[in-house]
Amino acid sequence: ETPEVTSRLLHEFAAEGLVNIVGGCCGTTPEHI
């Protein structure tokens, strides 16, 4: 996943009202964050 893909998916979680803290695990970089 590129930063664009990961961020789009986490945006969907946020828009759905699911999250308060988001970030990245394996494979993510400062560009992803």
Full PDB file with SEQRES, HELIX, SHEET, SSBOND, CRYST1, ORIGX, SCALE, CONECT and MASTER records, all heavy atoms in Angstrom:
SEQRES   1 A   33  GLU THR PRO GLU VAL THR SER ARG LEU LEU HIS GLU PHE          
SEQRES   2 A   33  ALA ALA GLU GLY LEU VAL ASN ILE VAL GLY GLY CYS CYS          
SEQRES   3 A   33  GLY THR THR PRO GLU HIS ILE                                  
HELIX    1 AA1 PRO A    3  ALA A   15  1                                  13    
CRYST1    1.000    1.000    1.000  90.00  90.00  90.00 P 1           1          
ORIGX1      1.000000  0.000000  0.000000        0.00000                         
ORIGX2      0.000000  1.000000  0.000000        0.00000                         
ORIGX3      0.000000  0.000000  1.000000        0.00000                         
SCALE1      1.000000  0.000000  0.000000        0.00000                         
SCALE2      0.000000  1.000000  0.000000        0.00000                         
SCALE3      0.000000  0.000000  1.000000        0.00000                         
ATOM      1  N   GLU A   1       0.807  -1.212   0.000  1.00  0.00           N  
ATOM      2  CA  GLU A   1       0.000   0.000   0.000  1.00  0.00           C  
ATOM      3  C   GLU A   1       0.843   1.266   0.000  1.00  0.00           C  
ATOM      4  O   GLU A   1       1.762   1.423   0.811  1.00  0.00           O  
ATOM      5  CB  GLU A   1      -0.941   0.020   1.206  1.00  0.00           C  
ATOM      6  CG  GLU A   1      -2.158  -0.855   1.035  1.00  0.00           C  
ATOM      7  CD  GLU A   1      -3.111  -0.742   2.214  1.00  0.00           C  
ATOM      8  OE1 GLU A   1      -2.877   0.071   3.122  1.00  0.00           O  
ATOM      9  OE2 GLU A   1      -4.097  -1.503   2.216  1.00  0.00           O  
ATOM     10  N   THR A   2       0.487   2.162  -0.887  1.00  0.00           N  
ATOM     11  CA  THR A   2       1.108   3.484  -0.923  1.00  0.00           C  
ATOM     12  C   THR A   2       0.478   4.359   0.156  1.00  0.00           C  
ATOM     13  O   THR A   2      -0.591   4.042   0.695  1.00  0.00           O  
ATOM     14  CB  THR A   2       0.878   4.142  -2.288  1.00  0.00           C  
ATOM     15  OG1 THR A   2      -0.549   4.335  -2.455  1.00  0.00           O  
ATOM     16  CG2 THR A   2       1.423   3.287  -3.423  1.00  0.00           C  
ATOM     17  N   PRO A   3       1.107   5.482   0.480  1.00  0.00           N  
ATOM     18  CA  PRO A   3       0.488   6.406   1.434  1.00  0.00           C  
ATOM     19  C   PRO A   3      -0.930   6.812   1.032  1.00  0.00           C  
ATOM     20  O   PRO A   3      -1.809   6.948   1.901  1.00  0.00           O  
ATOM     21  CB  PRO A   3       1.437   7.603   1.421  1.00  0.00           C  
ATOM     22  CG  PRO A   3       2.774   7.004   1.095  1.00  0.00           C  
ATOM     23  CD  PRO A   3       2.477   5.910   0.120  1.00  0.00           C  
ATOM     24  N   GLU A   4      -1.179   6.976  -0.263  1.00  0.00           N  
ATOM     25  CA  GLU A   4      -2.505   7.377  -0.733  1.00  0.00           C  
ATOM     26  C   GLU A   4      -3.561   6.322  -0.412  1.00  0.00           C  
ATOM     27  O   GLU A   4      -4.683   6.649   0.002  1.00  0.00           O  
ATOM     28  CB  GLU A   4      -2.464   7.641  -2.238  1.00  0.00           C  
ATOM     29  CG  GLU A   4      -1.653   8.854  -2.653  1.00  0.00           C  
ATOM     30  CD  GLU A   4      -0.147   8.672  -2.485  1.00  0.00           C  
ATOM     31  OE1 GLU A   4       0.342   7.516  -2.563  1.00  0.00           O  
ATOM     32  OE2 GLU A   4       0.555   9.695  -2.251  1.00  0.00           O  
ATOM     33  N   VAL A   5      -3.197   5.063  -0.573  1.00  0.00           N  
ATOM     34  CA  VAL A   5      -4.163   3.980  -0.329  1.00  0.00           C  
ATOM     35  C   VAL A   5      -4.455   3.842   1.170  1.00  0.00           C  
ATOM     36  O   VAL A   5      -5.618   3.807   1.597  1.00  0.00           O  
ATOM     37  CB  VAL A   5      -3.641   2.650  -0.899  1.00  0.00           C  
ATOM     38  CG1 VAL A   5      -4.568   1.501  -0.502  1.00  0.00           C  
ATOM     39  CG2 VAL A   5      -3.511   2.731  -2.414  1.00  0.00           C  
ATOM     40  N   THR A   6      -3.403   3.765   1.969  1.00  0.00           N  
ATOM     41  CA  THR A   6      -3.593   3.600   3.415  1.00  0.00           C  
ATOM     42  C   THR A   6      -4.366   4.780   4.003  1.00  0.00           C  
ATOM     43  O   THR A   6      -5.277   4.600   4.816  1.00  0.00           O  
ATOM     44  CB  THR A   6      -2.238   3.458   4.127  1.00  0.00           C  
ATOM     45  OG1 THR A   6      -1.516   2.367   3.552  1.00  0.00           O  
ATOM     46  CG2 THR A   6      -2.428   3.189   5.611  1.00  0.00           C  
ATOM     47  N   SER A   7      -4.013   5.990   3.587  1.00  0.00           N  
ATOM     48  CA  SER A   7      -4.696   7.175   4.128  1.00  0.00           C  
ATOM     49  C   SER A   7      -6.161   7.223   3.705  1.00  0.00           C  
ATOM     50  O   SER A   7      -7.024   7.651   4.479  1.00  0.00           O  
ATOM     51  CB  SER A   7      -3.970   8.447   3.711  1.00  0.00           C  
ATOM     52  OG  SER A   7      -3.964   8.603   2.307  1.00  0.00           O  
ATOM     53  N   ARG A   8      -6.456   6.781   2.485  1.00  0.00           N  
ATOM     54  CA  ARG A   8      -7.855   6.765   2.042  1.00  0.00           C  
ATOM     55  C   ARG A   8      -8.681   5.812   2.905  1.00  0.00           C  
ATOM     56  O   ARG A   8      -9.808   6.133   3.315  1.00  0.00           O  
ATOM     57  CB  ARG A   8      -7.942   6.353   0.575  1.00  0.00           C  
ATOM     58  CG  ARG A   8      -9.383   6.172   0.080  1.00  0.00           C  
ATOM     59  CD  ARG A   8      -9.443   5.816  -1.392  1.00  0.00           C  
ATOM     60  NE  ARG A   8      -8.659   4.642  -1.743  1.00  0.00           N  
ATOM     61  CZ  ARG A   8      -9.058   3.385  -1.508  1.00  0.00           C  
ATOM     62  NH1 ARG A   8     -10.227   3.147  -0.918  1.00  0.00           N  
ATOM     63  NH2 ARG A   8      -8.300   2.376  -1.876  1.00  0.00           N  
ATOM     64  N   LEU A   9      -8.129   4.643   3.207  1.00  0.00           N  
ATOM     65  CA  LEU A   9      -8.853   3.668   4.012  1.00  0.00           C  
ATOM     66  C   LEU A   9      -9.073   4.176   5.441  1.00  0.00           C  
ATOM     67  O   LEU A   9     -10.161   4.023   6.007  1.00  0.00           O  
ATOM     68  CB  LEU A   9      -8.092   2.344   4.025  1.00  0.00           C  
ATOM     69  CG  LEU A   9      -8.051   1.611   2.682  1.00  0.00           C  
ATOM     70  CD1 LEU A   9      -7.016   0.492   2.708  1.00  0.00           C  
ATOM     71  CD2 LEU A   9      -9.425   1.039   2.337  1.00  0.00           C  
ATOM     72  N   LEU A  10      -8.052   4.793   6.023  1.00  0.00           N  
ATOM     73  CA  LEU A  10      -8.211   5.310   7.377  1.00  0.00           C  
ATOM     74  C   LEU A  10      -9.148   6.519   7.402  1.00  0.00           C  
ATOM     75  O   LEU A  10      -9.860   6.745   8.388  1.00  0.00           O  
ATOM     76  CB  LEU A  10      -6.846   5.659   7.975  1.00  0.00           C  
ATOM     77  CG  LEU A  10      -6.044   4.425   8.400  1.00  0.00           C  
ATOM     78  CD1 LEU A  10      -4.636   4.793   8.828  1.00  0.00           C  
ATOM     79  CD2 LEU A  10      -6.739   3.678   9.532  1.00  0.00           C  
ATOM     80  N   HIS A  11      -9.180   7.282   6.311  1.00  0.00           N  
ATOM     81  CA  HIS A  11     -10.157   8.359   6.221  1.00  0.00           C  
ATOM     82  C   HIS A  11     -11.576   7.797   6.265  1.00  0.00           C  
ATOM     83  O   HIS A  11     -12.473   8.383   6.898  1.00  0.00           O  
ATOM     84  CB  HIS A  11      -9.967   9.168   4.934  1.00  0.00           C  
ATOM     85  CG  HIS A  11     -11.054  10.162   4.706  1.00  0.00           C  
ATOM     86  ND1 HIS A  11     -12.126   9.914   3.862  1.00  0.00           N  
ATOM     87  CD2 HIS A  11     -11.274  11.391   5.252  1.00  0.00           C  
ATOM     88  CE1 HIS A  11     -12.939  10.947   3.889  1.00  0.00           C  
ATOM     89  NE2 HIS A  11     -12.450  11.857   4.711  1.00  0.00           N  
ATOM     90  N   GLU A  12     -11.781   6.664   5.620  1.00  0.00           N  
ATOM     91  CA  GLU A  12     -13.111   6.038   5.648  1.00  0.00           C  
ATOM     92  C   GLU A  12     -13.490   5.641   7.072  1.00  0.00           C  
ATOM     93  O   GLU A  12     -14.646   5.802   7.484  1.00  0.00           O  
ATOM     94  CB  GLU A  12     -13.126   4.821   4.722  1.00  0.00           C  
ATOM     95  CG  GLU A  12     -13.024   5.174   3.241  1.00  0.00           C  
ATOM     96  CD  GLU A  12     -12.920   3.944   2.350  1.00  0.00           C  
ATOM     97  OE1 GLU A  12     -13.025   2.817   2.878  1.00  0.00           O  
ATOM     98  OE2 GLU A  12     -12.721   4.116   1.135  1.00  0.00           O  
ATOM     99  N   PHE A  13     -12.523   5.130   7.845  1.00  0.00           N  
ATOM    100  CA  PHE A  13     -12.803   4.779   9.237  1.00  0.00           C  
ATOM    101  C   PHE A  13     -13.194   6.032  10.027  1.00  0.00           C  
ATOM    102  O   PHE A  13     -14.111   6.001  10.852  1.00  0.00           O  
ATOM    103  CB  PHE A  13     -11.576   4.152   9.895  1.00  0.00           C  
ATOM    104  CG  PHE A  13     -11.184   2.801   9.349  1.00  0.00           C  
ATOM    105  CD1 PHE A  13     -10.024   2.190   9.784  1.00  0.00           C  
ATOM    106  CD2 PHE A  13     -11.962   2.140   8.420  1.00  0.00           C  
ATOM    107  CE1 PHE A  13      -9.652   0.951   9.306  1.00  0.00           C  
ATOM    108  CE2 PHE A  13     -11.594   0.896   7.927  1.00  0.00           C  
ATOM    109  CZ  PHE A  13     -10.430   0.297   8.379  1.00  0.00           C  
ATOM    110  N   ALA A  14     -12.459   7.113   9.792  1.00  0.00           N  
ATOM    111  CA  ALA A  14     -12.738   8.358  10.508  1.00  0.00           C  
ATOM    112  C   ALA A  14     -14.105   8.914  10.127  1.00  0.00           C  
ATOM    113  O   ALA A  14     -14.879   9.353  10.987  1.00  0.00           O  
ATOM    114  CB  ALA A  14     -11.645   9.382  10.212  1.00  0.00           C  
ATOM    115  N   ALA A  15     -14.414   8.895   8.834  1.00  0.00           N  
ATOM    116  CA  ALA A  15     -15.695   9.421   8.367  1.00  0.00           C  
ATOM    117  C   ALA A  15     -16.866   8.602   8.907  1.00  0.00           C  
ATOM    118  O   ALA A  15     -17.970   9.122   9.090  1.00  0.00           O  
ATOM    119  CB  ALA A  15     -15.716   9.431   6.837  1.00  0.00           C  
ATOM    120  N   GLU A  16     -16.620   7.331   9.190  1.00  0.00           N  
ATOM    121  CA  GLU A  16     -17.642   6.451   9.742  1.00  0.00           C  
ATOM    122  C   GLU A  16     -17.791   6.630  11.249  1.00  0.00           C  
ATOM    123  O   GLU A  16     -18.670   6.028  11.868  1.00  0.00           O  
ATOM    124  CB  GLU A  16     -17.290   4.996   9.406  1.00  0.00           C  
ATOM    125  CG  GLU A  16     -18.410   4.000   9.592  1.00  0.00           C  
ATOM    126  CD  GLU A  16     -18.026   2.599   9.153  1.00  0.00           C  
ATOM    127  OE1 GLU A  16     -17.179   2.459   8.245  1.00  0.00           O  
ATOM    128  OE2 GLU A  16     -18.574   1.634   9.719  1.00  0.00           O  
ATOM    129  N   GLY A  17     -16.910   7.421  11.857  1.00  0.00           N  
ATOM    130  CA  GLY A  17     -16.981   7.660  13.291  1.00  0.00           C  
ATOM    131  C   GLY A  17     -16.470   6.522  14.134  1.00  0.00           C  
ATOM    132  O   GLY A  17     -16.960   6.284  15.241  1.00  0.00           O  
ATOM    133  N   LEU A  18     -15.434   5.819  13.632  1.00  0.00           N  
ATOM    134  CA  LEU A  18     -14.940   4.630  14.321  1.00  0.00           C  
ATOM    135  C   LEU A  18     -13.716   4.882  15.185  1.00  0.00           C  
ATOM    136  O   LEU A  18     -13.399   4.059  16.046  1.00  0.00           O  
ATOM    137  CB  LEU A  18     -14.585   3.535  13.299  1.00  0.00           C  
ATOM    138  CG  LEU A  18     -15.724   2.949  12.471  1.00  0.00           C  
ATOM    139  CD1 LEU A  18     -15.171   1.965  11.451  1.00  0.00           C  
ATOM    140  CD2 LEU A  18     -16.733   2.250  13.389  1.00  0.00           C  
ATOM    141  N   VAL A  19     -12.972   5.967  14.950  1.00  0.00           N  
ATOM    142  CA  VAL A  19     -11.625   6.065  15.521  1.00  0.00           C  
ATOM    143  C   VAL A  19     -11.357   7.400  16.222  1.00  0.00           C  
ATOM    144  O   VAL A  19     -11.958   8.429  15.913  1.00  0.00           O  
ATOM    145  CB  VAL A  19     -10.552   5.856  14.432  1.00  0.00           C  
ATOM    146  CG1 VAL A  19     -10.535   4.413  13.949  1.00  0.00           C  
ATOM    147  CG2 VAL A  19     -10.750   6.817  13.262  1.00  0.00           C  
ATOM    148  N   ASN A  20     -10.395   7.320  17.156  1.00  0.00           N  
ATOM    149  CA  ASN A  20      -9.873   8.507  17.838  1.00  0.00           C  
ATOM    150  C   ASN A  20      -8.369   8.661  17.661  1.00  0.00           C  
ATOM    151  O   ASN A  20      -7.834   9.759  17.799  1.00  0.00           O  
ATOM    152  CB  ASN A  20     -10.180   8.442  19.337  1.00  0.00           C  
ATOM    153  CG  ASN A  20     -11.653   8.316  19.623  1.00  0.00           C  
ATOM    154  OD1 ASN A  20     -12.147   7.217  19.855  1.00  0.00           O  
ATOM    155  ND2 ASN A  20     -12.362   9.426  19.596  1.00  0.00           N  
ATOM    156  N   ILE A  21      -7.676   7.551  17.400  1.00  0.00           N  
ATOM    157  CA  ILE A  21      -6.229   7.551  17.182  1.00  0.00           C  
ATOM    158  C   ILE A  21      -5.955   6.698  15.960  1.00  0.00           C  
ATOM    159  O   ILE A  21      -6.438   5.559  15.873  1.00  0.00           O  
ATOM    160  CB  ILE A  21      -5.468   6.963  18.384  1.00  0.00           C  
ATOM    161  CG1 ILE A  21      -5.795   7.715  19.680  1.00  0.00           C  
ATOM    162  CG2 ILE A  21      -3.957   6.976  18.131  1.00  0.00           C  
ATOM    163  CD1 ILE A  21      -5.264   7.021  20.939  1.00  0.00           C  
ATOM    164  N   VAL A  22      -5.193   7.220  14.999  1.00  0.00           N  
ATOM    165  CA  VAL A  22      -4.821   6.436  13.818  1.00  0.00           C  
ATOM    166  C   VAL A  22      -3.330   6.592  13.558  1.00  0.00           C  
ATOM    167  O   VAL A  22      -2.716   7.598  13.909  1.00  0.00           O  
ATOM    168  CB  VAL A  22      -5.618   6.860  12.561  1.00  0.00           C  
ATOM    169  CG1 VAL A  22      -7.082   6.505  12.704  1.00  0.00           C  
ATOM    170  CG2 VAL A  22      -5.457   8.345  12.269  1.00  0.00           C  
ATOM    171  N   GLY A  23      -2.766   5.579  12.935  1.00  0.00           N  
ATOM    172  CA  GLY A  23      -1.350   5.587  12.581  1.00  0.00           C  
ATOM    173  C   GLY A  23      -1.058   4.402  11.696  1.00  0.00           C  
ATOM    174  O   GLY A  23      -1.959   3.872  11.038  1.00  0.00           O  
ATOM    175  N   GLY A  24       0.192   3.970  11.700  1.00  0.00           N  
ATOM    176  CA  GLY A  24       0.567   2.874  10.812  1.00  0.00           C  
ATOM    177  C   GLY A  24       1.419   1.847  11.519  1.00  0.00           C  
ATOM    178  O   GLY A  24       2.145   2.156  12.472  1.00  0.00           O  
ATOM    179  N   CYS A  25       1.341   0.606  11.036  1.00  0.00           N  
ATOM    180  CA  CYS A  25       2.177  -0.471  11.562  1.00  0.00           C  
ATOM    181  C   CYS A  25       3.123  -0.904  10.437  1.00  0.00           C  
ATOM    182  O   CYS A  25       3.622  -0.062   9.694  1.00  0.00           O  
ATOM    183  CB  CYS A  25       1.302  -1.600  12.096  1.00  0.00           C  
ATOM    184  SG  CYS A  25       2.130  -2.646  13.317  1.00  0.00           S  
ATOM    185  N   CYS A  26       3.364  -2.182  10.281  1.00  0.00           N  
ATOM    186  CA  CYS A  26       4.391  -2.676   9.363  1.00  0.00           C  
ATOM    187  C   CYS A  26       4.223  -2.127   7.943  1.00  0.00           C  
ATOM    188  O   CYS A  26       3.116  -2.102   7.403  1.00  0.00           O  
ATOM    189  CB  CYS A  26       4.356  -4.199   9.306  1.00  0.00           C  
ATOM    190  SG  CYS A  26       4.510  -4.998  10.908  1.00  0.00           S  
ATOM    191  N   GLY A  27       5.326  -1.678   7.374  1.00  0.00           N  
ATOM    192  CA  GLY A  27       5.308  -1.176   6.006  1.00  0.00           C  
ATOM    193  C   GLY A  27       4.977   0.292   5.881  1.00  0.00           C  
ATOM    194  O   GLY A  27       5.055   0.846   4.780  1.00  0.00           O  
ATOM    195  N   THR A  28       4.618   0.949   6.978  1.00  0.00           N  
ATOM    196  CA  THR A  28       4.293   2.370   6.897  1.00  0.00           C  
ATOM    197  C   THR A  28       5.514   3.224   7.222  1.00  0.00           C  
ATOM    198  O   THR A  28       6.412   2.812   7.959  1.00  0.00           O  
ATOM    199  CB  THR A  28       3.132   2.748   7.830  1.00  0.00           C  
ATOM    200  OG1 THR A  28       3.477   2.425   9.180  1.00  0.00           O  
ATOM    201  CG2 THR A  28       1.863   2.012   7.430  1.00  0.00           C  
ATOM    202  N   THR A  29       5.536   4.428   6.672  1.00  0.00           N  
ATOM    203  CA  THR A  29       6.672   5.330   6.729  1.00  0.00           C  
ATOM    204  C   THR A  29       6.184   6.731   7.110  1.00  0.00           C  
ATOM    205  O   THR A  29       4.964   6.956   7.195  1.00  0.00           O  
ATOM    206  CB  THR A  29       7.332   5.395   5.345  1.00  0.00           C  
ATOM    207  OG1 THR A  29       6.384   5.998   4.429  1.00  0.00           O  
ATOM    208  CG2 THR A  29       7.716   4.008   4.831  1.00  0.00           C  
ATOM    209  N   PRO A  30       7.084   7.695   7.288  1.00  0.00           N  
ATOM    210  CA  PRO A  30       6.613   9.067   7.517  1.00  0.00           C  
ATOM    211  C   PRO A  30       5.710   9.584   6.399  1.00  0.00           C  
ATOM    212  O   PRO A  30       4.798  10.388   6.662  1.00  0.00           O  
ATOM    213  CB  PRO A  30       7.922   9.865   7.603  1.00  0.00           C  
ATOM    214  CG  PRO A  30       8.904   8.886   8.168  1.00  0.00           C  
ATOM    215  CD  PRO A  30       8.546   7.579   7.517  1.00  0.00           C  
ATOM    216  N   GLU A  31       5.931   9.125   5.173  1.00  0.00           N  
ATOM    217  CA  GLU A  31       5.057   9.538   4.070  1.00  0.00           C  
ATOM    218  C   GLU A  31       3.631   9.034   4.297  1.00  0.00           C  
ATOM    219  O   GLU A  31       2.662   9.756   4.017  1.00  0.00           O  
ATOM    220  CB  GLU A  31       5.606   9.022   2.746  1.00  0.00           C  
ATOM    221  CG  GLU A  31       6.917   9.669   2.305  1.00  0.00           C  
ATOM    222  CD  GLU A  31       8.145   9.152   3.033  1.00  0.00           C  
ATOM    223  OE1 GLU A  31       8.074   8.066   3.657  1.00  0.00           O  
ATOM    224  OE2 GLU A  31       9.196   9.846   3.007  1.00  0.00           O  
ATOM    225  N   HIS A  32       3.498   7.813   4.804  1.00  0.00           N  
ATOM    226  CA  HIS A  32       2.174   7.289   5.136  1.00  0.00           C  
ATOM    227  C   HIS A  32       1.530   8.117   6.247  1.00  0.00           C  
ATOM    228  O   HIS A  32       0.342   8.463   6.181  1.00  0.00           O  
ATOM    229  CB  HIS A  32       2.262   5.832   5.593  1.00  0.00           C  
ATOM    230  CG  HIS A  32       2.534   4.849   4.503  1.00  0.00           C  
ATOM    231  ND1 HIS A  32       3.790   4.642   3.986  1.00  0.00           N  
ATOM    232  CD2 HIS A  32       1.711   4.001   3.820  1.00  0.00           C  
ATOM    233  CE1 HIS A  32       3.730   3.714   3.044  1.00  0.00           C  
ATOM    234  NE2 HIS A  32       2.473   3.315   2.927  1.00  0.00           N  
ATOM    235  N   ILE A  33       2.312   8.427   7.275  1.00  0.00           N  
ATOM    236  CA  ILE A  33       1.761   9.152   8.425  1.00  0.00           C  
ATOM    237  C   ILE A  33       1.323  10.557   8.028  1.00  0.00           C  
ATOM    238  O   ILE A  33       0.272  11.048   8.453  1.00  0.00           O  
ATOM    239  CB  ILE A  33       2.784   9.189   9.573  1.00  0.00           C  
ATOM    240  CG1 ILE A  33       3.075   7.762  10.056  1.00  0.00           C  
ATOM    241  CG2 ILE A  33       2.290  10.056  10.720  1.00  0.00           C  
ATOM    242  CD1 ILE A  33       1.858   6.921  10.389  1.00  0.00           C  
TER     243      ILE A  33                                                      
MASTER        0    0    0    1    0    0    0    6  242    1    0    3          
END                                                                             
